[in-house]
Amino acid sequence: MAEVRNPELRIVGGHPVLDLVNTVTPRRPGGREHITSPTALLAWSRRVGLVGAGEARTISAAWRTRSGSAGQALHATLDVRESVYGILAARLADPTPGPVAALEHLTLRWAAATARSTLVAGADRPAEVVVGTDPAFVVPDRLAFAAVELLRAVDPRHVKECPVDEGGCGWLFLDQSRNSSRRWCAMADCGAQAKARKLTERRRAARASTVRAPRR
């Protein structure tokens, strides 16, 4: 399975699950889908560090040998993505418990991932949970686990949305700035574009005002 990279897709969320949410541009109904195939999913997973090169080859081999597993993994991943977005978008609009349907969907994906995980205990190290014992479902299983950990551990006030109404893309990101003042997914991208638009609008308004000014 050939690897496909998407150089246009920025990684700015501050967490793999938020970067998963941000694989739609803009992050609104009708936005452009970036994970359009299992191949694109595997390339994105490598890019964000979810799997390594060797794991990617193992996953690709599992998808080739098990009919339908690649499509199932893609569907499960997108289900995790939309569940997390539904929960976080609801929190941004109203800081009460997230929508029941989205929470139930994520719970089911997390439970399935748990069933495909195992506990490993070493003689000289603490026990650890190994997520993704089935190569065909490593990607959605790790993302489901990461999503639950994100929702459990991260202060919801630190999750922000690049403001669509001000020209942003609607992507979500962790605001880890000292005074929680970050407003854009990336200042060099959406922030700069918004500033440029405002400057253009001010110049147009100034020119229009000059044209309308009565002659003396």
N, C-alpha and C. Protein backbone atom coordinates (compact mmCIF):
# COMPACT_ATOMS: atom_id res chain seq x y z
N MET A 1 0.86 -1.19 0.00
CA MET A 1 0.00 0.00 0.00
C MET A 1 0.89 1.24 0.00
N ALA A 2 0.81 2.03 -1.04
CA ALA A 2 1.67 3.21 -1.16
C ALA A 2 1.30 4.26 -0.11
N GLU A 3 2.32 4.95 0.37
CA GLU A 3 2.10 6.00 1.38
C GLU A 3 1.77 7.31 0.70
N VAL A 4 0.76 7.98 1.21
CA VAL A 4 0.33 9.27 0.67
C VAL A 4 0.45 10.31 1.76
N ARG A 5 1.17 11.37 1.50
CA ARG A 5 1.30 12.45 2.47
C ARG A 5 0.50 13.66 2.00
N ASN A 6 0.00 14.42 2.95
CA ASN A 6 -0.78 15.60 2.64
C ASN A 6 -0.06 16.81 3.22
N PRO A 7 0.80 17.46 2.43
CA PRO A 7 1.58 18.57 2.95
C PRO A 7 0.73 19.79 3.31
N GLU A 8 -0.52 19.83 2.82
CA GLU A 8 -1.38 20.97 3.09
C GLU A 8 -1.95 20.93 4.51
N LEU A 9 -2.03 19.75 5.10
CA LEU A 9 -2.70 19.59 6.39
C LEU A 9 -1.74 19.92 7.52
N ARG A 10 -2.00 21.02 8.20
CA ARG A 10 -1.14 21.46 9.30
C ARG A 10 -1.43 20.64 10.56
N ILE A 11 -0.41 20.45 11.37
CA ILE A 11 -0.55 19.75 12.65
C ILE A 11 -0.37 20.79 13.75
N VAL A 12 -1.47 21.28 14.27
CA VAL A 12 -1.41 22.42 15.21
C VAL A 12 -2.27 22.21 16.46
N GLY A 13 -2.92 21.05 16.59
CA GLY A 13 -3.86 20.87 17.69
C GLY A 13 -3.23 20.74 19.06
N GLY A 14 -1.98 20.28 19.11
CA GLY A 14 -1.34 20.08 20.40
C GLY A 14 -1.64 18.73 21.01
N HIS A 15 -2.41 17.90 20.32
CA HIS A 15 -2.75 16.56 20.79
C HIS A 15 -3.21 15.77 19.56
N PRO A 16 -2.80 14.49 19.42
CA PRO A 16 -3.18 13.72 18.23
C PRO A 16 -4.68 13.66 17.98
N VAL A 17 -5.47 13.60 19.04
CA VAL A 17 -6.92 13.51 18.85
C VAL A 17 -7.48 14.83 18.33
N LEU A 18 -6.93 15.95 18.78
CA LEU A 18 -7.37 17.23 18.24
C LEU A 18 -6.92 17.38 16.79
N ASP A 19 -5.73 16.88 16.47
CA ASP A 19 -5.30 16.89 15.08
C ASP A 19 -6.18 15.99 14.22
N LEU A 20 -6.70 14.91 14.81
CA LEU A 20 -7.67 14.07 14.10
C LEU A 20 -8.94 14.87 13.81
N VAL A 21 -9.44 15.57 14.83
CA VAL A 21 -10.63 16.41 14.64
C VAL A 21 -10.39 17.41 13.50
N ASN A 22 -9.16 17.87 13.38
CA ASN A 22 -8.82 18.91 12.41
C ASN A 22 -8.52 18.37 11.01
N THR A 23 -8.96 17.16 10.71
CA THR A 23 -8.75 16.63 9.37
C THR A 23 -9.92 16.95 8.44
N VAL A 24 -10.70 17.95 8.83
CA VAL A 24 -11.75 18.53 7.97
C VAL A 24 -11.50 20.03 7.93
N THR A 25 -11.49 20.61 6.73
CA THR A 25 -11.19 22.04 6.58
C THR A 25 -12.24 22.72 5.69
N PRO A 26 -12.92 23.77 6.18
CA PRO A 26 -12.96 24.19 7.59
C PRO A 26 -13.72 23.17 8.42
N ARG A 27 -13.59 23.25 9.74
CA ARG A 27 -14.21 22.26 10.62
C ARG A 27 -15.68 22.61 10.79
N ARG A 28 -16.40 22.45 9.69
CA ARG A 28 -17.83 22.73 9.62
C ARG A 28 -18.47 21.77 8.63
N PRO A 29 -19.79 21.55 8.70
CA PRO A 29 -20.44 20.70 7.70
C PRO A 29 -20.11 21.17 6.28
N GLY A 30 -19.74 20.24 5.44
CA GLY A 30 -19.37 20.61 4.08
C GLY A 30 -17.91 20.92 3.90
N GLY A 31 -17.12 20.82 4.96
CA GLY A 31 -15.70 21.09 4.86
C GLY A 31 -14.99 19.99 4.09
N ARG A 32 -13.77 20.28 3.66
CA ARG A 32 -13.00 19.32 2.88
C ARG A 32 -12.48 18.20 3.77
N GLU A 33 -12.71 16.96 3.35
CA GLU A 33 -12.25 15.77 4.07
C GLU A 33 -10.82 15.44 3.64
N HIS A 34 -9.92 15.32 4.62
CA HIS A 34 -8.53 15.01 4.31
C HIS A 34 -8.21 13.52 4.42
N ILE A 35 -8.93 12.81 5.27
CA ILE A 35 -8.70 11.37 5.40
C ILE A 35 -9.73 10.67 4.52
N THR A 36 -9.38 10.52 3.27
CA THR A 36 -10.32 10.03 2.26
C THR A 36 -10.18 8.54 1.97
N SER A 37 -9.19 7.88 2.57
CA SER A 37 -8.95 6.47 2.28
C SER A 37 -8.11 5.87 3.40
N PRO A 38 -8.08 4.53 3.50
CA PRO A 38 -7.19 3.91 4.48
C PRO A 38 -5.73 4.30 4.29
N THR A 39 -5.30 4.46 3.05
CA THR A 39 -3.93 4.87 2.78
C THR A 39 -3.65 6.25 3.36
N ALA A 40 -4.58 7.17 3.17
CA ALA A 40 -4.43 8.51 3.73
C ALA A 40 -4.44 8.46 5.26
N LEU A 41 -5.25 7.59 5.82
CA LEU A 41 -5.30 7.43 7.29
C LEU A 41 -3.95 6.95 7.82
N LEU A 42 -3.36 5.98 7.15
CA LEU A 42 -2.08 5.45 7.61
C LEU A 42 -0.98 6.49 7.50
N ALA A 43 -1.00 7.26 6.41
CA ALA A 43 0.00 8.32 6.24
C ALA A 43 -0.15 9.38 7.33
N TRP A 44 -1.38 9.76 7.63
CA TRP A 44 -1.62 10.75 8.69
C TRP A 44 -1.17 10.20 10.04
N SER A 45 -1.44 8.92 10.30
CA SER A 45 -1.06 8.31 11.58
C SER A 45 0.44 8.32 11.77
N ARG A 46 1.18 8.10 10.71
CA ARG A 46 2.64 8.19 10.80
C ARG A 46 3.07 9.63 11.04
N ARG A 47 2.42 10.55 10.38
CA ARG A 47 2.82 11.95 10.48
C ARG A 47 2.67 12.50 11.89
N VAL A 48 1.60 12.08 12.60
CA VAL A 48 1.38 12.58 13.96
C VAL A 48 2.06 11.71 15.01
N GLY A 49 2.76 10.66 14.57
CA GLY A 49 3.49 9.82 15.51
C GLY A 49 2.64 8.77 16.20
N LEU A 50 1.47 8.49 15.67
CA LEU A 50 0.60 7.47 16.28
C LEU A 50 1.17 6.07 16.07
N VAL A 51 1.78 5.83 14.91
CA VAL A 51 2.43 4.55 14.61
C VAL A 51 3.79 4.83 13.99
N GLY A 52 4.68 3.87 14.13
CA GLY A 52 6.00 3.99 13.52
C GLY A 52 6.03 3.34 12.15
N ALA A 53 7.17 3.42 11.50
CA ALA A 53 7.29 2.89 10.14
C ALA A 53 7.06 1.39 10.10
N GLY A 54 7.64 0.67 11.06
CA GLY A 54 7.46 -0.78 11.09
C GLY A 54 6.01 -1.16 11.36
N GLU A 55 5.36 -0.45 12.29
CA GLU A 55 3.95 -0.72 12.58
C GLU A 55 3.09 -0.43 11.36
N ALA A 56 3.42 0.63 10.63
CA ALA A 56 2.64 0.97 9.45
C ALA A 56 2.70 -0.16 8.42
N ARG A 57 3.86 -0.77 8.26
CA ARG A 57 3.98 -1.89 7.33
C ARG A 57 3.15 -3.09 7.80
N THR A 58 3.16 -3.33 9.10
CA THR A 58 2.37 -4.44 9.65
C THR A 58 0.88 -4.20 9.47
N ILE A 59 0.46 -2.96 9.71
CA ILE A 59 -0.96 -2.60 9.54
C ILE A 59 -1.37 -2.77 8.08
N SER A 60 -0.54 -2.24 7.18
CA SER A 60 -0.83 -2.34 5.75
C SER A 60 -0.96 -3.80 5.32
N ALA A 61 -0.08 -4.67 5.83
CA ALA A 61 -0.14 -6.09 5.50
C ALA A 61 -1.43 -6.72 6.02
N ALA A 62 -1.83 -6.34 7.24
CA ALA A 62 -3.07 -6.87 7.82
C ALA A 62 -4.28 -6.45 6.99
N TRP A 63 -4.27 -5.22 6.54
CA TRP A 63 -5.38 -4.75 5.71
C TRP A 63 -5.45 -5.50 4.38
N ARG A 64 -4.30 -5.83 3.83
CA ARG A 64 -4.29 -6.55 2.55
C ARG A 64 -4.80 -7.98 2.70
N THR A 65 -4.48 -8.61 3.81
CA THR A 65 -4.82 -10.02 3.97
C THR A 65 -6.22 -10.24 4.54
N ARG A 66 -6.79 -9.23 5.16
CA ARG A 66 -8.13 -9.37 5.76
C ARG A 66 -9.11 -8.47 5.03
N SER A 67 -9.89 -9.06 4.20
CA SER A 67 -10.81 -8.31 3.36
C SER A 67 -11.76 -7.45 4.19
N GLY A 68 -11.84 -6.19 3.81
CA GLY A 68 -12.76 -5.27 4.47
C GLY A 68 -12.22 -4.61 5.71
N SER A 69 -11.08 -5.09 6.24
CA SER A 69 -10.58 -4.54 7.51
C SER A 69 -10.10 -3.10 7.36
N ALA A 70 -9.55 -2.75 6.20
CA ALA A 70 -9.07 -1.37 6.00
C ALA A 70 -10.23 -0.39 6.07
N GLY A 71 -11.33 -0.73 5.39
CA GLY A 71 -12.50 0.14 5.43
C GLY A 71 -13.11 0.22 6.81
N GLN A 72 -13.08 -0.89 7.54
CA GLN A 72 -13.61 -0.89 8.90
C GLN A 72 -12.77 -0.01 9.82
N ALA A 73 -11.45 -0.08 9.65
CA ALA A 73 -10.57 0.77 10.47
C ALA A 73 -10.79 2.24 10.16
N LEU A 74 -10.97 2.56 8.88
CA LEU A 74 -11.23 3.94 8.50
C LEU A 74 -12.55 4.41 9.08
N HIS A 75 -13.59 3.61 8.97
CA HIS A 75 -14.90 3.98 9.51
C HIS A 75 -14.83 4.19 11.02
N ALA A 76 -14.13 3.28 11.72
CA ALA A 76 -14.02 3.40 13.18
C ALA A 76 -13.27 4.68 13.56
N THR A 77 -12.23 5.00 12.81
CA THR A 77 -11.46 6.22 13.10
C THR A 77 -12.31 7.47 12.93
N LEU A 78 -13.06 7.52 11.84
CA LEU A 78 -13.89 8.70 11.59
C LEU A 78 -15.03 8.79 12.61
N ASP A 79 -15.48 7.63 13.10
CA ASP A 79 -16.51 7.63 14.14
C ASP A 79 -15.94 8.21 15.44
N VAL A 80 -14.70 7.84 15.78
CA VAL A 80 -14.04 8.43 16.94
C VAL A 80 -13.91 9.93 16.75
N ARG A 81 -13.47 10.33 15.56
CA ARG A 81 -13.26 11.75 15.28
C ARG A 81 -14.54 12.56 15.48
N GLU A 82 -15.63 12.11 14.87
CA GLU A 82 -16.86 12.88 14.94
C GLU A 82 -17.47 12.85 16.34
N SER A 83 -17.26 11.76 17.07
CA SER A 83 -17.75 11.70 18.45
C SER A 83 -17.02 12.72 19.31
N VAL A 84 -15.69 12.76 19.18
CA VAL A 84 -14.91 13.71 19.97
C VAL A 84 -15.28 15.14 19.60
N TYR A 85 -15.41 15.40 18.30
CA TYR A 85 -15.77 16.76 17.89
C TYR A 85 -17.14 17.14 18.43
N GLY A 86 -18.09 16.22 18.40
CA GLY A 86 -19.42 16.53 18.93
C GLY A 86 -19.37 16.87 20.41
N ILE A 87 -18.57 16.12 21.16
CA ILE A 87 -18.45 16.38 22.60
C ILE A 87 -17.78 17.72 22.87
N LEU A 88 -16.66 17.97 22.20
CA LEU A 88 -15.91 19.20 22.46
C LEU A 88 -16.63 20.44 21.92
N ALA A 89 -17.24 20.32 20.76
CA ALA A 89 -17.98 21.46 20.21
C ALA A 89 -19.14 21.84 21.13
N ALA A 90 -19.79 20.83 21.70
CA ALA A 90 -20.88 21.11 22.64
C ALA A 90 -20.35 21.79 23.89
N ARG A 91 -19.18 21.37 24.36
CA ARG A 91 -18.57 22.00 25.54
C ARG A 91 -18.22 23.45 25.26
N LEU A 92 -17.73 23.72 24.07
CA LEU A 92 -17.36 25.09 23.73
C LEU A 92 -18.59 26.00 23.71
N ALA A 93 -19.71 25.44 23.28
CA ALA A 93 -20.94 26.23 23.21
C ALA A 93 -21.63 26.33 24.57
N ASP A 94 -21.50 25.27 25.37
CA ASP A 94 -22.20 25.21 26.65
C ASP A 94 -21.43 24.26 27.57
N PRO A 95 -20.79 24.77 28.63
CA PRO A 95 -19.94 23.94 29.49
C PRO A 95 -20.71 22.99 30.40
N THR A 96 -21.61 22.20 29.82
CA THR A 96 -22.33 21.16 30.54
C THR A 96 -21.94 19.83 29.92
N PRO A 97 -22.33 18.70 30.50
CA PRO A 97 -21.96 17.40 29.92
C PRO A 97 -22.30 17.31 28.43
N GLY A 98 -21.41 16.66 27.69
CA GLY A 98 -21.55 16.58 26.23
C GLY A 98 -22.77 15.81 25.78
N PRO A 99 -23.06 15.82 24.48
CA PRO A 99 -24.23 15.14 23.94
C PRO A 99 -24.17 13.65 24.19
N VAL A 100 -25.29 13.06 24.59
CA VAL A 100 -25.33 11.66 24.97
C VAL A 100 -24.93 10.75 23.82
N ALA A 101 -25.42 11.02 22.62
CA ALA A 101 -25.13 10.15 21.48
C ALA A 101 -23.63 10.08 21.19
N ALA A 102 -22.96 11.23 21.20
CA ALA A 102 -21.52 11.26 20.93
C ALA A 102 -20.75 10.52 22.01
N LEU A 103 -21.14 10.69 23.26
CA LEU A 103 -20.48 9.99 24.36
C LEU A 103 -20.68 8.48 24.24
N GLU A 104 -21.87 8.06 23.84
CA GLU A 104 -22.14 6.63 23.68
C GLU A 104 -21.32 6.04 22.54
N HIS A 105 -21.21 6.77 21.44
CA HIS A 105 -20.41 6.29 20.31
C HIS A 105 -18.95 6.11 20.73
N LEU A 106 -18.41 7.10 21.42
CA LEU A 106 -17.02 7.02 21.85
C LEU A 106 -16.83 5.90 22.87
N THR A 107 -17.79 5.72 23.76
CA THR A 107 -17.72 4.65 24.75
C THR A 107 -17.65 3.29 24.07
N LEU A 108 -18.45 3.10 23.03
CA LEU A 108 -18.44 1.83 22.31
C LEU A 108 -17.10 1.59 21.63
N ARG A 109 -16.53 2.63 21.02
CA ARG A 109 -15.23 2.50 20.37
C ARG A 109 -14.14 2.22 21.40
N TRP A 110 -14.22 2.87 22.54
CA TRP A 110 -13.24 2.65 23.60
C TRP A 110 -13.35 1.24 24.15
N ALA A 111 -14.59 0.74 24.32
CA ALA A 111 -14.79 -0.62 24.82
C ALA A 111 -14.24 -1.65 23.84
N ALA A 112 -14.44 -1.43 22.55
CA ALA A 112 -13.90 -2.34 21.55
C ALA A 112 -12.38 -2.32 21.57
N ALA A 113 -11.80 -1.13 21.73
CA ALA A 113 -10.35 -1.02 21.80
C ALA A 113 -9.80 -1.72 23.04
N THR A 114 -10.53 -1.61 24.15
CA THR A 114 -10.12 -2.28 25.38
C THR A 114 -10.10 -3.79 25.19
N ALA A 115 -11.08 -4.31 24.48
CA ALA A 115 -11.14 -5.75 24.23
C ALA A 115 -9.97 -6.23 23.38
N ARG A 116 -9.37 -5.31 22.61
CA ARG A 116 -8.22 -5.68 21.78
C ARG A 116 -6.90 -5.19 22.40
N SER A 117 -6.91 -4.97 23.70
CA SER A 117 -5.71 -4.53 24.41
C SER A 117 -5.32 -5.58 25.44
N THR A 118 -4.13 -5.44 25.96
CA THR A 118 -3.65 -6.40 26.96
C THR A 118 -2.77 -5.69 27.99
N LEU A 119 -2.68 -6.29 29.16
CA LEU A 119 -1.86 -5.74 30.24
C LEU A 119 -0.54 -6.51 30.28
N VAL A 120 0.56 -5.78 30.24
CA VAL A 120 1.89 -6.39 30.26
C VAL A 120 2.61 -5.93 31.51
N ALA A 121 3.14 -6.89 32.28
CA ALA A 121 3.88 -6.57 33.50
C ALA A 121 5.29 -7.13 33.39
N GLY A 122 6.28 -6.27 33.56
CA GLY A 122 7.66 -6.70 33.53
C GLY A 122 8.23 -6.82 34.93
N ALA A 123 9.30 -7.57 35.07
CA ALA A 123 9.90 -7.76 36.39
C ALA A 123 10.54 -6.49 36.92
N ASP A 124 11.00 -5.64 36.02
CA ASP A 124 11.72 -4.44 36.45
C ASP A 124 11.05 -3.15 36.02
N ARG A 125 9.76 -3.22 35.70
CA ARG A 125 9.06 -2.00 35.31
C ARG A 125 7.57 -2.12 35.65
N PRO A 126 6.87 -0.99 35.78
CA PRO A 126 5.44 -1.04 36.09
C PRO A 126 4.65 -1.71 34.96
N ALA A 127 3.51 -2.23 35.32
CA ALA A 127 2.63 -2.82 34.31
C ALA A 127 2.12 -1.73 33.37
N GLU A 128 1.88 -2.09 32.14
CA GLU A 128 1.37 -1.12 31.18
C GLU A 128 0.33 -1.77 30.28
N VAL A 129 -0.58 -0.94 29.81
CA VAL A 129 -1.61 -1.40 28.89
C VAL A 129 -1.08 -1.25 27.47
N VAL A 130 -1.09 -2.33 26.73
CA VAL A 130 -0.68 -2.29 25.33
C VAL A 130 -1.95 -2.23 24.48
N VAL A 131 -2.14 -1.09 23.83
CA VAL A 131 -3.34 -0.86 23.03
C VAL A 131 -3.04 -1.23 21.58
N GLY A 132 -3.90 -2.04 21.01
CA GLY A 132 -3.75 -2.36 19.60
C GLY A 132 -3.07 -3.69 19.37
N THR A 133 -3.60 -4.76 19.94
CA THR A 133 -3.02 -6.08 19.72
C THR A 133 -3.44 -6.65 18.37
N ASP A 134 -4.48 -6.10 17.78
CA ASP A 134 -4.91 -6.52 16.44
C ASP A 134 -4.39 -5.49 15.44
N PRO A 135 -3.42 -5.84 14.60
CA PRO A 135 -2.81 -4.85 13.70
C PRO A 135 -3.81 -4.10 12.82
N ALA A 136 -4.87 -4.75 12.41
CA ALA A 136 -5.82 -4.10 11.52
C ALA A 136 -6.54 -2.93 12.18
N PHE A 137 -6.59 -2.94 13.52
CA PHE A 137 -7.35 -1.89 14.23
C PHE A 137 -6.48 -1.09 15.19
N VAL A 138 -5.17 -1.12 14.99
CA VAL A 138 -4.26 -0.36 15.84
C VAL A 138 -4.61 1.12 15.83
N VAL A 139 -4.82 1.69 14.65
CA VAL A 139 -5.04 3.13 14.54
C VAL A 139 -6.31 3.58 15.27
N PRO A 140 -7.50 3.03 14.95
CA PRO A 140 -8.69 3.49 15.67
C PRO A 140 -8.66 3.15 17.15
N ASP A 141 -8.04 2.02 17.52
CA ASP A 141 -7.99 1.65 18.93
C ASP A 141 -7.14 2.64 19.73
N ARG A 142 -5.98 2.99 19.21
CA ARG A 142 -5.14 3.96 19.92
C ARG A 142 -5.79 5.33 19.99
N LEU A 143 -6.50 5.70 18.94
CA LEU A 143 -7.17 6.99 18.95
C LEU A 143 -8.34 7.01 19.93
N ALA A 144 -9.05 5.90 20.04
CA ALA A 144 -10.15 5.82 21.00
C ALA A 144 -9.63 5.97 22.42
N PHE A 145 -8.53 5.27 22.74
CA PHE A 145 -7.93 5.38 24.06
C PHE A 145 -7.45 6.82 24.30
N ALA A 146 -6.77 7.38 23.31
CA ALA A 146 -6.25 8.74 23.46
C ALA A 146 -7.38 9.75 23.63
N ALA A 147 -8.50 9.51 22.96
CA ALA A 147 -9.64 10.42 23.07
C ALA A 147 -10.21 10.41 24.48
N VAL A 148 -10.35 9.22 25.05
CA VAL A 148 -10.87 9.13 26.42
C VAL A 148 -9.91 9.80 27.40
N GLU A 149 -8.61 9.59 27.21
CA GLU A 149 -7.63 10.22 28.10
C GLU A 149 -7.67 11.74 27.96
N LEU A 150 -7.84 12.22 26.74
CA LEU A 150 -7.95 13.67 26.52
C LEU A 150 -9.13 14.24 27.28
N LEU A 151 -10.28 13.60 27.17
CA LEU A 151 -11.49 14.10 27.81
C LEU A 151 -11.40 14.00 29.33
N ARG A 152 -10.66 13.01 29.82
CA ARG A 152 -10.53 12.83 31.27
C ARG A 152 -9.50 13.77 31.89
N ALA A 153 -8.42 14.04 31.16
CA ALA A 153 -7.27 14.71 31.77
C ALA A 153 -7.13 16.19 31.45
N VAL A 154 -7.67 16.63 30.34
CA VAL A 154 -7.45 18.01 29.90
C VAL A 154 -8.57 18.92 30.38
N ASP A 155 -8.18 20.05 30.93
CA ASP A 155 -9.15 21.06 31.35
C ASP A 155 -9.88 21.58 30.11
N PRO A 156 -11.21 21.43 30.05
CA PRO A 156 -11.97 21.87 28.87
C PRO A 156 -11.73 23.34 28.52
N ARG A 157 -11.37 24.15 29.50
CA ARG A 157 -11.13 25.57 29.23
C ARG A 157 -9.90 25.80 28.38
N HIS A 158 -9.04 24.80 28.30
CA HIS A 158 -7.83 24.92 27.50
C HIS A 158 -8.02 24.48 26.06
N VAL A 159 -9.20 23.94 25.76
CA VAL A 159 -9.51 23.56 24.37
C VAL A 159 -10.24 24.72 23.72
N LYS A 160 -9.68 25.24 22.64
CA LYS A 160 -10.29 26.40 21.97
C LYS A 160 -10.52 26.11 20.49
N GLU A 161 -11.32 26.95 19.90
CA GLU A 161 -11.67 26.81 18.49
C GLU A 161 -11.17 28.02 17.71
N CYS A 162 -10.51 27.78 16.61
CA CYS A 162 -10.08 28.88 15.74
C CYS A 162 -11.35 29.57 15.22
N PRO A 163 -11.56 30.86 15.53
CA PRO A 163 -12.86 31.51 15.33
C PRO A 163 -13.28 31.67 13.87
N VAL A 164 -14.29 30.90 13.49
CA VAL A 164 -14.79 30.94 12.12
C VAL A 164 -15.39 32.30 11.79
N ASP A 165 -16.11 32.89 12.75
CA ASP A 165 -16.77 34.16 12.49
C ASP A 165 -15.79 35.32 12.30
N GLU A 166 -14.50 35.07 12.60
CA GLU A 166 -13.47 36.09 12.38
C GLU A 166 -12.51 35.69 11.26
N GLY A 167 -12.91 34.68 10.51
CA GLY A 167 -12.08 34.25 9.39
C GLY A 167 -11.23 33.03 9.65
N GLY A 168 -11.38 32.39 10.83
CA GLY A 168 -10.61 31.20 11.15
C GLY A 168 -11.20 29.95 10.52
N CYS A 169 -10.56 28.82 10.82
CA CYS A 169 -10.94 27.57 10.16
C CYS A 169 -11.81 26.66 11.01
N GLY A 170 -12.02 27.01 12.27
CA GLY A 170 -12.84 26.18 13.14
C GLY A 170 -12.12 25.00 13.75
N TRP A 171 -10.81 24.88 13.50
CA TRP A 171 -10.05 23.78 14.09
C TRP A 171 -9.94 23.97 15.60
N LEU A 172 -9.77 22.84 16.30
CA LEU A 172 -9.61 22.86 17.75
C LEU A 172 -8.14 22.74 18.11
N PHE A 173 -7.77 23.35 19.23
CA PHE A 173 -6.38 23.28 19.67
C PHE A 173 -6.31 23.46 21.18
N LEU A 174 -5.21 22.96 21.75
CA LEU A 174 -4.94 23.17 23.16
C LEU A 174 -4.24 24.51 23.34
N ASP A 175 -4.83 25.37 24.13
CA ASP A 175 -4.19 26.66 24.43
C ASP A 175 -3.28 26.47 25.64
N GLN A 176 -2.01 26.35 25.38
CA GLN A 176 -1.04 26.16 26.45
C GLN A 176 -0.21 27.42 26.71
N SER A 177 -0.72 28.54 26.23
CA SER A 177 -0.01 29.81 26.46
C SER A 177 -0.10 30.19 27.93
N ARG A 178 0.83 31.02 28.36
CA ARG A 178 0.93 31.36 29.78
C ARG A 178 -0.34 32.00 30.31
N ASN A 179 -0.95 32.90 29.56
CA ASN A 179 -2.15 33.60 30.03
C ASN A 179 -3.40 33.19 29.28
N SER A 180 -3.36 32.02 28.62
CA SER A 180 -4.52 31.48 27.89
C SER A 180 -5.08 32.49 26.88
N SER A 181 -4.17 33.14 26.15
CA SER A 181 -4.58 34.19 25.22
C SER A 181 -4.54 33.77 23.75
N ARG A 182 -4.18 32.53 23.48
CA ARG A 182 -4.09 32.09 22.09
C ARG A 182 -5.48 32.08 21.47
N ARG A 183 -5.60 32.65 20.27
CA ARG A 183 -6.91 32.76 19.62
C ARG A 183 -7.00 31.98 18.32
N TRP A 184 -5.86 31.72 17.70
CA TRP A 184 -5.87 31.12 16.38
C TRP A 184 -5.19 29.75 16.40
N CYS A 185 -5.59 28.89 15.47
CA CYS A 185 -4.93 27.59 15.38
C CYS A 185 -3.45 27.79 15.09
N ALA A 186 -3.14 28.79 14.26
CA ALA A 186 -1.75 29.15 13.96
C ALA A 186 -1.73 30.62 13.58
N MET A 187 -0.97 31.40 14.31
CA MET A 187 -0.91 32.84 14.04
C MET A 187 -0.37 33.11 12.65
N ALA A 188 0.57 32.26 12.19
CA ALA A 188 1.17 32.46 10.88
C ALA A 188 0.23 32.11 9.74
N ASP A 189 -0.90 31.48 10.06
CA ASP A 189 -1.84 31.07 9.02
C ASP A 189 -3.16 31.82 9.18
N CYS A 190 -4.08 31.26 9.94
CA CYS A 190 -5.39 31.90 10.08
C CYS A 190 -5.28 33.29 10.70
N GLY A 191 -4.42 33.45 11.71
CA GLY A 191 -4.27 34.75 12.35
C GLY A 191 -3.77 35.80 11.40
N ALA A 192 -2.75 35.45 10.60
CA ALA A 192 -2.19 36.40 9.64
C ALA A 192 -3.20 36.74 8.56
N GLN A 193 -3.94 35.74 8.10
CA GLN A 193 -4.95 35.99 7.08
C GLN A 193 -6.05 36.91 7.60
N ALA A 194 -6.47 36.68 8.84
CA ALA A 194 -7.51 37.53 9.43
C ALA A 194 -7.02 38.97 9.56
N LYS A 195 -5.77 39.16 9.99
CA LYS A 195 -5.22 40.51 10.11
C LYS A 195 -5.13 41.19 8.75
N ALA A 196 -4.74 40.40 7.73
CA ALA A 196 -4.63 40.96 6.38
C ALA A 196 -6.00 41.38 5.87
N ARG A 197 -7.04 40.56 6.14
CA ARG A 197 -8.39 40.93 5.71
C ARG A 197 -8.87 42.20 6.39
N LYS A 198 -8.60 42.31 7.70
CA LYS A 198 -9.02 43.51 8.42
C LYS A 198 -8.32 44.75 7.89
N LEU A 199 -7.03 44.59 7.58
CA LEU A 199 -6.28 45.73 7.04
C LEU A 199 -6.85 46.15 5.69
N THR A 200 -7.17 45.16 4.85
CA THR A 200 -7.75 45.44 3.54
C THR A 200 -9.09 46.15 3.69
N GLU A 201 -9.90 45.68 4.64
CA GLU A 201 -11.21 46.29 4.86
C GLU A 201 -11.06 47.73 5.34
N ARG A 202 -10.10 48.00 6.21
CA ARG A 202 -9.89 49.36 6.70
C ARG A 202 -9.44 50.28 5.56
N ARG A 203 -8.56 49.77 4.70
CA ARG A 203 -8.10 50.58 3.57
C ARG A 203 -9.23 50.87 2.60
N ARG A 204 -10.08 49.88 2.35
CA ARG A 204 -11.23 50.09 1.46
C ARG A 204 -12.18 51.12 2.05
N ALA A 205 -12.41 50.99 3.36
CA ALA A 205 -13.30 51.93 4.02
C ALA A 205 -12.73 53.35 3.96
N ALA A 206 -11.41 53.47 4.14
CA ALA A 206 -10.77 54.78 4.09
C ALA A 206 -10.88 55.38 2.69
N ARG A 207 -10.67 54.54 1.66
CA ARG A 207 -10.79 55.04 0.28
C ARG A 207 -12.22 55.45 -0.03
N ALA A 208 -13.18 54.64 0.44
CA ALA A 208 -14.58 54.97 0.19
C ALA A 208 -14.96 56.27 0.88
N SER A 209 -14.44 56.47 2.09
CA SER A 209 -14.73 57.70 2.82
C SER A 209 -14.16 58.90 2.10
N THR A 210 -12.97 58.73 1.51
CA THR A 210 -12.33 59.83 0.78
C THR A 210 -13.13 60.18 -0.46
N VAL A 211 -13.62 59.16 -1.16
CA VAL A 211 -14.40 59.38 -2.38
C VAL A 211 -15.71 60.09 -2.06
N ARG A 212 -16.32 59.74 -0.91
CA ARG A 212 -17.62 60.31 -0.56
C ARG A 212 -17.48 61.70 0.04
N ALA A 213 -16.30 62.08 0.48
CA ALA A 213 -16.13 63.38 1.14
C ALA A 213 -16.49 64.52 0.17
N PRO A 214 -17.34 65.46 0.57
CA PRO A 214 -17.71 66.56 -0.31
C PRO A 214 -16.54 67.51 -0.58
N ARG A 215 -16.52 67.99 -1.79
CA ARG A 215 -15.45 68.96 -2.15
C ARG A 215 -15.83 70.34 -1.59
N ARG A 216 -14.80 71.09 -1.22
CA ARG A 216 -15.03 72.44 -0.71
C ARG A 216 -14.62 73.49 -1.74
